[in-house]
Amino acid sequence: MERKHDIIFVTIGVPFSRIPIAQKVMLFVDLETGVTPQQVAKGYRKAVADNIENHGWVLGTNFDPSDLYYEIFHDVENTIPFARSDNSPNHRDEL
């Protein structure tokens, strides 16, 4: 039987800090629409960038979504992401 949805866990942060802005946030991926986990993570990254003051940053701080990194995990217990942006601090490490 083909899966119709997936649950992923996404971490969002800035490459210059080891403290993430949002860590392993559970997100729903509707596979029937053709949306990929990477697209969902990028959408969440944009939402964080657009509302950065709601995530502990000073009002007026501006980040382009591409300034932030994302890492995608299959499970909240996983320590190695199965996908990540090129600016992820863990990108240097090979999977």
Protein backbone atom coordinates (compact mmCIF):
# COMPACT_ATOMS: atom_id res chain seq x y z
CA MET A 1 0.00 0.00 0.00
CA GLU A 2 1.33 3.40 -0.99
CA ARG A 3 1.65 6.02 1.76
CA LYS A 4 -0.50 9.11 1.40
CA HIS A 5 1.31 11.26 3.94
CA ASP A 6 4.47 11.49 5.98
CA ILE A 7 5.57 13.16 9.19
CA ILE A 8 8.95 14.88 9.26
CA PHE A 9 10.88 16.76 11.91
CA VAL A 10 12.54 20.00 10.84
CA THR A 11 15.22 22.10 12.50
CA ILE A 12 15.69 25.72 11.40
CA GLY A 13 18.64 27.90 12.37
CA VAL A 14 21.29 30.38 11.37
CA PRO A 15 24.60 28.92 10.17
CA PHE A 16 26.67 31.07 12.53
CA SER A 17 25.04 29.69 15.70
CA ARG A 18 24.93 26.18 17.14
CA ILE A 19 21.63 27.04 18.87
CA PRO A 20 18.72 26.43 16.46
CA ILE A 21 15.81 28.81 16.14
CA ALA A 22 13.35 25.89 15.98
CA GLN A 23 14.42 22.33 16.74
CA LYS A 24 12.74 19.22 15.35
CA VAL A 25 9.33 20.75 14.72
CA MET A 26 6.89 18.08 13.54
CA LEU A 27 5.44 18.83 10.10
CA PHE A 28 2.94 16.99 7.91
CA VAL A 29 3.77 16.15 4.28
CA ASP A 30 0.80 15.36 2.03
CA LEU A 31 2.40 13.02 -0.50
CA GLU A 32 -0.76 12.94 -2.64
CA THR A 33 -0.16 16.57 -3.68
CA GLY A 34 3.36 15.83 -4.91
CA VAL A 35 4.93 18.08 -2.28
CA THR A 36 8.33 16.87 -1.06
CA PRO A 37 9.71 17.03 2.48
CA GLN A 38 12.25 19.58 1.20
CA GLN A 39 9.46 21.85 -0.06
CA VAL A 40 7.67 21.61 3.28
CA ALA A 41 10.91 22.42 5.14
CA LYS A 42 11.59 25.38 2.85
CA GLY A 43 8.05 26.65 3.43
CA TYR A 44 8.52 26.43 7.18
CA ARG A 45 11.92 28.14 6.88
CA LYS A 46 10.20 31.01 5.02
CA ALA A 47 7.52 31.28 7.71
CA VAL A 48 10.23 31.49 10.38
CA ALA A 49 12.19 34.12 8.40
CA ASP A 50 9.03 36.18 7.81
CA ASN A 51 8.17 36.11 11.53
CA ILE A 52 11.61 36.00 13.12
CA GLU A 53 10.52 38.21 16.04
CA ASN A 54 8.22 35.36 17.12
CA HIS A 55 11.26 33.13 17.46
CA GLY A 56 13.36 35.08 19.93
CA TRP A 57 14.93 37.66 17.63
CA VAL A 58 14.62 41.42 18.04
CA LEU A 59 11.82 43.09 16.07
CA GLY A 60 13.34 44.53 12.92
CA THR A 61 15.83 41.70 12.41
CA ASN A 62 15.56 40.64 8.80
CA PHE A 63 16.57 37.29 7.37
CA ASP A 64 16.02 36.11 3.84
CA PRO A 65 14.78 32.49 4.03
CA SER A 66 18.00 31.36 2.31
CA ASP A 67 20.00 32.92 5.19
CA LEU A 68 18.52 30.24 7.44
CA TYR A 69 19.33 26.55 7.20
CA TYR A 70 17.01 23.59 7.49
CA GLU A 71 17.62 19.96 8.45
CA ILE A 72 15.01 17.24 7.99
CA PHE A 73 14.79 14.15 10.18
CA HIS A 74 12.62 11.03 9.88
CA ASP A 75 12.19 10.78 13.63
CA VAL A 76 12.59 13.09 16.60
CA GLU A 77 15.25 10.73 17.99
CA ASN A 78 17.41 10.86 14.84
CA THR A 79 20.65 12.82 15.12
CA ILE A 80 21.59 12.76 11.44
CA PRO A 81 19.27 14.55 9.00
CA PHE A 82 18.24 12.75 5.81
CA ALA A 83 18.14 16.10 3.97
CA ARG A 84 19.46 19.57 4.66
CA SER A 85 20.17 22.89 3.02
CA ASP A 86 23.62 23.71 1.67
CA ASN A 87 24.23 26.22 4.46
CA SER A 88 23.52 23.74 7.26
CA PRO A 89 26.36 23.64 9.81
CA ASN A 90 26.23 19.83 9.43
CA HIS A 91 26.61 20.03 5.66
CA ARG A 92 30.35 19.63 6.05
CA ASP A 93 29.73 16.18 7.53
CA GLU A 94 29.09 13.46 5.00
CA LEU A 95 25.97 11.36 5.52
